[in-house]
């Protein structure tokens, strides 16, 4: 029996349809895995954005506190240095007077939200007529903070602020 061209074409079309049906059967349900993977990726991006924003807000709050501590420290007069050298064009600032004024300011300032702890860094002091206050704080991250704490880490933020009190 001789096969015609039309018969061979029909057999090829049936075979191609069967292969396509097999492929569709194997691919069925794959969109669910893709959607789940995309959802997890988007959620990680959203949670990461929330944590980065919380760290930035904590940094800004710590910087505000450092600014006010530097302003307070710039007004602190080291009485011993003022009596020995006099007060001419600038306040007599020493490392000790600036550090103690900054520490006293931190002690009476309520801790802002998003910061777990803070302290005055030993580099705090006077730079000529300028009070230089450096604060170090620990930020609280709302989404991934527990992961960092369980690994023994935290987000530490260090900020520096300068202030000068001229005698004009």
N, C-alpha and C. Protein backbone atom coordinates (compact mmCIF):
# COMPACT_ATOMS: atom_id res chain seq x y z
N UNK A 1 0.83 -1.17 0.00
CA UNK A 1 0.00 0.00 0.00
C UNK A 1 0.88 1.23 0.00
N UNK A 2 0.58 2.05 -0.90
CA UNK A 2 1.34 3.25 -1.10
C UNK A 2 0.71 4.39 -0.32
N UNK A 3 1.58 5.16 0.44
CA UNK A 3 1.04 6.29 1.18
C UNK A 3 1.19 7.54 0.34
N UNK A 4 0.20 8.33 0.48
CA UNK A 4 0.21 9.56 -0.28
C UNK A 4 0.82 10.68 0.56
N UNK A 5 1.04 11.73 -0.10
CA UNK A 5 1.62 12.89 0.57
C UNK A 5 0.68 13.40 1.64
N UNK A 6 -0.61 13.43 1.36
CA UNK A 6 -1.61 13.90 2.32
C UNK A 6 -1.64 13.01 3.54
N UNK A 7 -1.48 11.73 3.38
CA UNK A 7 -1.47 10.79 4.52
C UNK A 7 -0.26 11.01 5.41
N UNK A 8 0.90 11.20 4.80
CA UNK A 8 2.10 11.47 5.62
C UNK A 8 1.97 12.78 6.37
N UNK A 9 1.38 13.76 5.72
CA UNK A 9 1.19 15.06 6.36
C UNK A 9 0.25 14.94 7.55
N UNK A 10 -0.85 14.13 7.40
CA UNK A 10 -1.78 13.92 8.52
C UNK A 10 -1.09 13.24 9.69
N UNK A 11 -0.25 12.23 9.42
CA UNK A 11 0.47 11.53 10.49
C UNK A 11 1.42 12.48 11.20
N UNK A 12 2.11 13.32 10.45
CA UNK A 12 3.03 14.28 11.07
C UNK A 12 2.27 15.29 11.93
N UNK A 13 1.13 15.75 11.45
CA UNK A 13 0.33 16.70 12.23
C UNK A 13 -0.16 16.04 13.51
N UNK A 14 -0.62 14.77 13.45
CA UNK A 14 -1.05 14.06 14.66
C UNK A 14 0.10 13.91 15.63
N UNK A 15 1.27 13.60 15.13
CA UNK A 15 2.44 13.44 16.01
C UNK A 15 2.82 14.77 16.64
N UNK A 16 2.75 15.86 15.86
CA UNK A 16 3.09 17.18 16.41
C UNK A 16 2.06 17.58 17.47
N UNK A 17 0.76 17.29 17.24
CA UNK A 17 -0.27 17.60 18.23
C UNK A 17 -0.06 16.79 19.50
N UNK A 18 0.34 15.55 19.36
CA UNK A 18 0.58 14.70 20.54
C UNK A 18 1.77 15.24 21.35
N UNK A 19 2.84 15.65 20.65
CA UNK A 19 4.00 16.23 21.37
C UNK A 19 3.61 17.51 22.08
N UNK A 20 2.80 18.35 21.42
CA UNK A 20 2.35 19.60 22.03
C UNK A 20 1.47 19.33 23.25
N UNK A 21 0.61 18.35 23.17
CA UNK A 21 -0.25 18.00 24.30
C UNK A 21 0.60 17.50 25.47
N UNK A 22 1.65 16.70 25.18
CA UNK A 22 2.54 16.23 26.24
C UNK A 22 3.27 17.41 26.91
N UNK A 23 3.72 18.34 26.09
CA UNK A 23 4.43 19.51 26.64
C UNK A 23 3.50 20.34 27.52
N UNK A 24 2.24 20.53 27.06
CA UNK A 24 1.28 21.29 27.86
C UNK A 24 1.01 20.59 29.18
N UNK A 25 0.92 19.29 29.16
CA UNK A 25 0.67 18.53 30.38
C UNK A 25 1.85 18.68 31.35
N UNK A 26 3.08 18.69 30.84
CA UNK A 26 4.25 18.84 31.71
C UNK A 26 4.35 20.25 32.27
N UNK A 27 3.95 21.27 31.49
CA UNK A 27 4.06 22.67 31.92
C UNK A 27 2.91 23.10 32.81
N UNK A 28 1.90 22.29 32.95
CA UNK A 28 0.74 22.68 33.74
C UNK A 28 1.14 22.86 35.20
N UNK A 29 0.75 24.00 35.81
CA UNK A 29 1.07 24.29 37.21
C UNK A 29 2.38 25.04 37.40
N UNK A 30 3.13 25.27 36.34
CA UNK A 30 4.41 25.97 36.46
C UNK A 30 4.23 27.45 36.76
N UNK A 31 3.13 28.05 36.37
CA UNK A 31 2.91 29.47 36.61
C UNK A 31 2.76 29.74 38.11
N UNK A 32 2.25 28.77 38.85
CA UNK A 32 2.12 28.91 40.30
C UNK A 32 3.47 29.05 40.98
N UNK A 33 4.44 28.26 40.55
CA UNK A 33 5.79 28.33 41.10
C UNK A 33 6.42 29.68 40.76
N UNK A 34 6.21 30.13 39.54
CA UNK A 34 6.73 31.43 39.12
C UNK A 34 6.09 32.56 39.93
N UNK A 35 4.79 32.50 40.13
CA UNK A 35 4.09 33.54 40.90
C UNK A 35 4.56 33.54 42.35
N UNK A 36 4.76 32.37 42.92
CA UNK A 36 5.25 32.28 44.29
C UNK A 36 6.65 32.87 44.41
N UNK A 37 7.51 32.55 43.48
CA UNK A 37 8.86 33.10 43.49
C UNK A 37 8.87 34.61 43.36
N UNK A 38 8.03 35.14 42.49
CA UNK A 38 7.93 36.59 42.33
C UNK A 38 7.38 37.25 43.58
N UNK A 39 6.41 36.62 44.23
CA UNK A 39 5.84 37.16 45.46
C UNK A 39 6.90 37.22 46.56
N UNK A 40 7.68 36.16 46.70
CA UNK A 40 8.75 36.15 47.71
C UNK A 40 9.77 37.24 47.42
N UNK A 41 10.14 37.41 46.17
CA UNK A 41 11.11 38.44 45.80
C UNK A 41 10.58 39.84 46.10
N UNK A 42 9.33 40.11 45.76
CA UNK A 42 8.73 41.41 46.02
C UNK A 42 8.64 41.66 47.52
N UNK A 43 8.27 40.64 48.30
CA UNK A 43 8.18 40.82 49.75
C UNK A 43 9.55 41.09 50.36
N UNK A 44 10.59 40.44 49.87
CA UNK A 44 11.94 40.72 50.37
C UNK A 44 12.35 42.15 50.07
N UNK A 45 12.01 42.63 48.89
CA UNK A 45 12.32 44.02 48.54
C UNK A 45 11.55 45.01 49.42
N UNK A 46 10.29 44.73 49.69
CA UNK A 46 9.48 45.62 50.54
C UNK A 46 10.02 45.62 51.96
N UNK A 47 10.31 44.44 52.52
CA UNK A 47 10.84 44.36 53.88
C UNK A 47 12.21 45.02 53.98
N UNK A 48 13.04 44.86 52.96
CA UNK A 48 14.35 45.51 52.95
C UNK A 48 14.21 47.02 52.91
N UNK A 49 13.26 47.51 52.13
CA UNK A 49 13.02 48.95 52.06
C UNK A 49 12.56 49.50 53.39
N UNK A 50 11.71 48.77 54.08
CA UNK A 50 11.23 49.20 55.40
C UNK A 50 12.40 49.28 56.38
N UNK A 51 13.28 48.29 56.37
CA UNK A 51 14.42 48.30 57.29
C UNK A 51 15.41 49.41 56.96
N UNK A 52 15.67 49.64 55.69
CA UNK A 52 16.59 50.72 55.31
C UNK A 52 16.01 52.07 55.71
N UNK A 53 14.71 52.25 55.54
CA UNK A 53 14.06 53.49 55.95
C UNK A 53 14.13 53.67 57.46
N UNK A 54 13.92 52.60 58.22
CA UNK A 54 14.00 52.68 59.68
C UNK A 54 15.42 53.04 60.13
N UNK A 55 16.43 52.48 59.47
CA UNK A 55 17.82 52.81 59.82
C UNK A 55 18.13 54.27 59.49
N UNK A 56 17.63 54.76 58.38
CA UNK A 56 17.85 56.16 58.01
C UNK A 56 17.16 57.10 58.99
N UNK A 57 15.94 56.77 59.41
CA UNK A 57 15.24 57.59 60.39
C UNK A 57 15.97 57.60 61.73
N UNK A 58 16.49 56.44 62.13
CA UNK A 58 17.26 56.37 63.38
C UNK A 58 18.53 57.22 63.26
N UNK A 59 19.16 57.20 62.12
CA UNK A 59 20.35 58.03 61.90
C UNK A 59 20.02 59.51 61.99
N UNK A 60 18.91 59.92 61.41
CA UNK A 60 18.51 61.32 61.47
C UNK A 60 18.18 61.75 62.90
N UNK A 61 17.52 60.87 63.65
CA UNK A 61 17.20 61.20 65.05
C UNK A 61 18.47 61.29 65.89
N UNK A 62 19.42 60.40 65.63
CA UNK A 62 20.68 60.44 66.35
C UNK A 62 21.47 61.70 65.98
N UNK A 63 21.41 62.09 64.72
CA UNK A 63 22.08 63.31 64.28
C UNK A 63 21.45 64.55 64.91
N UNK A 64 20.12 64.56 65.05
CA UNK A 64 19.46 65.67 65.73
C UNK A 64 19.94 65.79 67.18
N UNK A 65 20.06 64.65 67.84
CA UNK A 65 20.54 64.66 69.23
C UNK A 65 21.99 65.10 69.29
N UNK A 66 22.81 64.67 68.34
CA UNK A 66 24.21 65.10 68.31
C UNK A 66 24.31 66.60 68.06
N UNK A 67 23.45 67.14 67.22
CA UNK A 67 23.44 68.60 66.98
C UNK A 67 23.11 69.36 68.25
N UNK A 68 22.08 68.92 68.95
CA UNK A 68 21.71 69.64 70.16
C UNK A 68 22.76 69.46 71.26
N UNK A 69 23.40 68.29 71.32
CA UNK A 69 24.48 68.09 72.30
C UNK A 69 25.69 68.94 71.95
N UNK A 70 25.98 69.11 70.67
CA UNK A 70 27.11 69.95 70.26
C UNK A 70 26.83 71.41 70.57
N UNK A 71 25.60 71.84 70.35
CA UNK A 71 25.24 73.22 70.69
C UNK A 71 25.36 73.46 72.20
N UNK A 72 24.91 72.49 72.96
CA UNK A 72 25.02 72.59 74.42
C UNK A 72 26.48 72.58 74.85
N UNK A 73 27.28 71.74 74.22
CA UNK A 73 28.70 71.65 74.58
C UNK A 73 29.47 72.89 74.14
N UNK A 74 29.05 73.53 73.05
CA UNK A 74 29.74 74.74 72.59
C UNK A 74 29.54 75.88 73.58
N UNK A 75 28.46 75.84 74.33
CA UNK A 75 28.21 76.86 75.35
C UNK A 75 28.84 76.53 76.70
N UNK A 76 29.41 75.34 76.81
CA UNK A 76 30.00 74.96 78.09
C UNK A 76 31.37 75.62 78.21
N UNK A 77 31.57 76.27 79.30
CA UNK A 77 32.81 77.01 79.54
C UNK A 77 33.66 76.22 80.51
N UNK A 78 34.90 76.00 80.14
CA UNK A 78 35.85 75.40 81.07
C UNK A 78 36.36 76.52 81.97
N UNK A 79 35.84 76.55 83.19
CA UNK A 79 36.14 77.68 84.08
C UNK A 79 37.63 77.79 84.40
N UNK A 80 38.30 76.68 84.60
CA UNK A 80 39.72 76.72 84.92
C UNK A 80 40.51 77.35 83.77
N UNK A 81 40.23 76.92 82.52
CA UNK A 81 40.93 77.48 81.37
C UNK A 81 40.55 78.95 81.17
N UNK A 82 39.31 79.32 81.46
CA UNK A 82 38.89 80.71 81.30
C UNK A 82 39.58 81.61 82.32
N UNK A 83 39.75 81.12 83.55
CA UNK A 83 40.42 81.93 84.57
C UNK A 83 41.92 82.02 84.34
N UNK A 84 42.49 80.95 83.79
CA UNK A 84 43.94 80.96 83.54
C UNK A 84 44.29 81.79 82.31
N UNK A 85 43.54 81.63 81.22
CA UNK A 85 43.87 82.28 79.95
C UNK A 85 42.99 83.48 79.64
N UNK A 86 41.87 83.59 80.30
CA UNK A 86 40.94 84.67 80.01
C UNK A 86 40.02 84.31 78.86
N UNK A 87 38.99 85.12 78.69
CA UNK A 87 38.04 84.93 77.60
C UNK A 87 38.19 86.12 76.67
N UNK A 88 38.73 85.85 75.48
CA UNK A 88 38.98 86.94 74.56
C UNK A 88 37.97 86.95 73.42
N UNK A 89 38.18 86.11 72.43
CA UNK A 89 37.31 86.09 71.26
C UNK A 89 36.47 84.83 71.18
N UNK A 90 36.77 83.84 71.99
CA UNK A 90 36.04 82.58 71.93
C UNK A 90 35.97 81.99 73.33
N UNK A 91 35.01 81.12 73.52
CA UNK A 91 34.89 80.42 74.80
C UNK A 91 36.03 79.43 74.94
N UNK A 92 36.47 79.27 76.16
CA UNK A 92 37.54 78.31 76.42
C UNK A 92 36.92 76.92 76.50
N UNK A 93 37.11 76.14 75.46
CA UNK A 93 36.58 74.77 75.41
C UNK A 93 37.73 73.80 75.54
N UNK A 94 37.50 72.75 76.32
CA UNK A 94 38.47 71.66 76.41
C UNK A 94 37.76 70.36 76.07
N UNK A 95 38.54 69.34 75.83
CA UNK A 95 37.95 68.03 75.54
C UNK A 95 37.06 67.56 76.68
N UNK A 96 37.51 67.80 77.91
CA UNK A 96 36.75 67.34 79.07
C UNK A 96 35.43 68.10 79.22
N UNK A 97 35.46 69.43 79.01
CA UNK A 97 34.22 70.20 79.16
C UNK A 97 33.20 69.83 78.08
N UNK A 98 33.68 69.59 76.87
CA UNK A 98 32.77 69.21 75.78
C UNK A 98 32.20 67.82 76.02
N UNK A 99 33.05 66.88 76.41
CA UNK A 99 32.58 65.51 76.64
C UNK A 99 31.60 65.45 77.80
N UNK A 100 31.87 66.18 78.89
CA UNK A 100 30.96 66.14 80.04
C UNK A 100 29.64 66.84 79.71
N UNK A 101 29.68 67.94 78.95
CA UNK A 101 28.43 68.61 78.55
C UNK A 101 27.61 67.72 77.62
N UNK A 102 28.27 67.03 76.71
CA UNK A 102 27.55 66.13 75.79
C UNK A 102 26.95 64.95 76.56
N UNK A 103 27.69 64.39 77.51
CA UNK A 103 27.17 63.28 78.31
C UNK A 103 25.98 63.72 79.15
N UNK A 104 26.08 64.92 79.74
CA UNK A 104 24.97 65.44 80.54
C UNK A 104 23.74 65.68 79.67
N UNK A 105 23.96 66.16 78.46
CA UNK A 105 22.84 66.39 77.54
C UNK A 105 22.15 65.07 77.18
N UNK A 106 22.94 64.03 76.92
CA UNK A 106 22.36 62.73 76.60
C UNK A 106 21.59 62.17 77.78
N UNK A 107 22.09 62.39 78.99
CA UNK A 107 21.44 61.85 80.18
C UNK A 107 20.05 62.45 80.39
N UNK A 108 19.86 63.71 80.03
CA UNK A 108 18.56 64.34 80.26
C UNK A 108 17.65 64.33 79.02
N UNK A 109 18.14 63.81 77.91
CA UNK A 109 17.35 63.75 76.68
C UNK A 109 16.68 62.39 76.57
N UNK A 110 15.36 62.35 76.34
CA UNK A 110 14.71 61.04 76.16
C UNK A 110 15.16 60.38 74.86
N UNK A 111 15.30 59.07 74.91
CA UNK A 111 15.74 58.34 73.73
C UNK A 111 14.61 58.29 72.69
N UNK A 112 14.91 58.69 71.46
CA UNK A 112 13.86 58.71 70.42
C UNK A 112 13.51 57.29 69.97
N UNK A 113 12.35 57.15 69.34
CA UNK A 113 11.98 55.83 68.83
C UNK A 113 12.93 55.37 67.73
N UNK A 114 13.14 54.07 67.69
CA UNK A 114 14.01 53.50 66.67
C UNK A 114 15.46 53.37 67.11
N UNK A 115 15.79 53.87 68.31
CA UNK A 115 17.16 53.77 68.83
C UNK A 115 17.09 53.04 70.16
N UNK A 116 17.87 51.98 70.28
CA UNK A 116 17.87 51.16 71.49
C UNK A 116 18.84 51.67 72.53
N UNK A 117 19.94 52.21 72.13
CA UNK A 117 20.94 52.70 73.07
C UNK A 117 21.87 53.68 72.38
N UNK A 118 22.46 54.59 73.19
CA UNK A 118 23.39 55.55 72.62
C UNK A 118 24.43 55.91 73.63
N UNK A 119 25.53 56.44 73.14
CA UNK A 119 26.63 56.84 74.02
C UNK A 119 27.49 57.88 73.31
N UNK A 120 28.26 58.60 74.13
CA UNK A 120 29.21 59.58 73.60
C UNK A 120 30.50 58.83 73.29
N UNK A 121 31.02 59.02 72.11
CA UNK A 121 32.24 58.34 71.66
C UNK A 121 33.45 59.08 72.24
N UNK A 122 34.52 58.37 72.60
CA UNK A 122 35.70 59.03 73.19
C UNK A 122 36.34 60.10 72.31
N UNK A 123 36.09 60.10 71.01
CA UNK A 123 36.67 61.13 70.15
C UNK A 123 35.99 62.49 70.32
N UNK A 124 34.97 62.56 71.16
CA UNK A 124 34.27 63.82 71.41
C UNK A 124 35.21 64.78 72.14
N UNK A 125 35.23 66.03 71.69
CA UNK A 125 36.10 67.01 72.34
C UNK A 125 36.06 68.33 71.62
N UNK A 126 37.06 69.15 71.92
CA UNK A 126 37.14 70.49 71.33
C UNK A 126 38.15 70.50 70.21
N UNK A 127 37.79 71.17 69.14
CA UNK A 127 38.67 71.35 68.00
C UNK A 127 38.89 72.85 67.86
N UNK A 128 39.77 73.39 68.66
CA UNK A 128 39.96 74.84 68.69
C UNK A 128 38.79 75.48 69.41
N UNK A 129 38.02 76.27 68.71
CA UNK A 129 36.85 76.94 69.30
C UNK A 129 35.56 76.19 68.99
N UNK A 130 35.68 75.01 68.42
CA UNK A 130 34.52 74.25 67.98
C UNK A 130 34.34 73.02 68.86
N UNK A 131 33.10 72.79 69.29
CA UNK A 131 32.78 71.57 70.03
C UNK A 131 32.43 70.48 69.02
N UNK A 132 33.12 69.37 69.10
CA UNK A 132 32.90 68.24 68.20
C UNK A 132 32.31 67.10 69.02
N UNK A 133 31.06 66.75 68.74
CA UNK A 133 30.37 65.69 69.49
C UNK A 133 30.10 64.53 68.55
N UNK A 134 30.57 63.36 68.94
CA UNK A 134 30.35 62.14 68.18
C UNK A 134 29.53 61.18 69.03
N UNK A 135 28.41 60.74 68.49
CA UNK A 135 27.53 59.81 69.19
C UNK A 135 27.46 58.50 68.43
N UNK A 136 27.31 57.43 69.19
CA UNK A 136 27.14 56.10 68.59
C UNK A 136 25.86 55.51 69.17
N UNK A 137 24.99 55.03 68.30
CA UNK A 137 23.73 54.45 68.75
C UNK A 137 23.44 53.14 68.04
N UNK A 138 22.53 52.38 68.62
CA UNK A 138 22.11 51.12 68.04
C UNK A 138 20.68 51.27 67.54
N UNK A 139 20.48 51.03 66.27
CA UNK A 139 19.16 51.19 65.64
C UNK A 139 18.34 49.92 65.77
N UNK A 140 17.04 50.10 65.87
CA UNK A 140 16.11 48.98 65.90
C UNK A 140 15.50 48.84 64.51
N UNK A 141 15.67 47.67 63.91
CA UNK A 141 15.08 47.40 62.59
C UNK A 141 13.80 46.59 62.78
N UNK A 142 12.68 47.06 62.26
CA UNK A 142 11.41 46.39 62.55
C UNK A 142 11.24 45.03 61.88
N UNK A 143 11.82 44.83 60.71
CA UNK A 143 11.55 43.59 59.98
C UNK A 143 12.64 42.53 60.16
N UNK A 144 13.88 42.93 60.07
CA UNK A 144 14.96 41.92 60.13
C UNK A 144 15.83 42.07 61.36
N UNK A 145 15.42 42.90 62.31
CA UNK A 145 16.22 43.09 63.51
C UNK A 145 16.39 41.82 64.31
N UNK A 146 15.37 40.99 64.38
CA UNK A 146 15.46 39.74 65.13
C UNK A 146 16.45 38.78 64.50
N UNK A 147 16.58 38.83 63.19
CA UNK A 147 17.55 37.96 62.52
C UNK A 147 18.98 38.40 62.89
N UNK A 148 19.22 39.71 62.85
CA UNK A 148 20.55 40.22 63.21
C UNK A 148 20.88 39.90 64.67
N UNK A 149 19.90 40.08 65.56
CA UNK A 149 20.14 39.81 66.97
C UNK A 149 20.42 38.34 67.22
N UNK A 150 19.73 37.46 66.52
CA UNK A 150 19.97 36.03 66.70
C UNK A 150 21.36 35.62 66.18
N UNK A 151 21.89 36.39 65.23
CA UNK A 151 23.24 36.13 64.73
C UNK A 151 24.30 36.86 65.55
N UNK A 152 23.86 37.62 66.56
CA UNK A 152 24.80 38.33 67.41
C UNK A 152 25.22 39.68 66.88
N UNK A 153 24.49 40.23 65.95
CA UNK A 153 24.85 41.53 65.37
C UNK A 153 23.77 42.56 65.60
N UNK A 154 24.07 43.78 65.21
CA UNK A 154 23.10 44.86 65.29
C UNK A 154 23.53 45.95 64.31
N UNK A 155 22.69 46.94 64.16
CA UNK A 155 23.00 48.06 63.28
C UNK A 155 23.47 49.21 64.16
N UNK A 156 24.75 49.53 64.04
CA UNK A 156 25.35 50.61 64.83
C UNK A 156 25.54 51.82 63.93
N UNK A 157 25.10 52.97 64.44
CA UNK A 157 25.17 54.21 63.68
C UNK A 157 26.05 55.18 64.45
N UNK A 158 26.99 55.81 63.77
CA UNK A 158 27.86 56.81 64.38
C UNK A 158 27.71 58.11 63.62
N UNK A 159 27.45 59.19 64.36
CA UNK A 159 27.28 60.51 63.75
C UNK A 159 28.16 61.51 64.47
N UNK A 160 28.58 62.55 63.76
CA UNK A 160 29.40 63.61 64.33
C UNK A 160 28.77 64.95 64.02
N UNK A 161 28.76 65.82 65.01
CA UNK A 161 28.22 67.15 64.83
C UNK A 161 29.18 68.16 65.43
N UNK A 162 29.23 69.34 64.82
CA UNK A 162 30.12 70.41 65.28
C UNK A 162 29.29 71.66 65.55
N UNK A 163 29.71 72.40 66.59
CA UNK A 163 29.04 73.66 66.90
C UNK A 163 30.07 74.63 67.47
N UNK A 164 29.84 75.91 67.23
CA UNK A 164 30.75 76.95 67.68
C UNK A 164 29.92 78.06 68.32
N UNK A 165 30.44 78.61 69.40
CA UNK A 165 29.76 79.70 70.09
C UNK A 165 30.67 80.92 70.11
N UNK A 166 30.57 81.77 69.08
CA UNK A 166 31.41 82.97 69.07
C UNK A 166 30.93 83.98 70.11
N UNK A 167 31.81 84.86 70.54
CA UNK A 167 31.47 85.85 71.56
C UNK A 167 31.16 87.21 70.93
N UNK A 168 30.43 87.25 69.87
CA UNK A 168 30.09 88.51 69.19
C UNK A 168 28.99 89.24 69.89
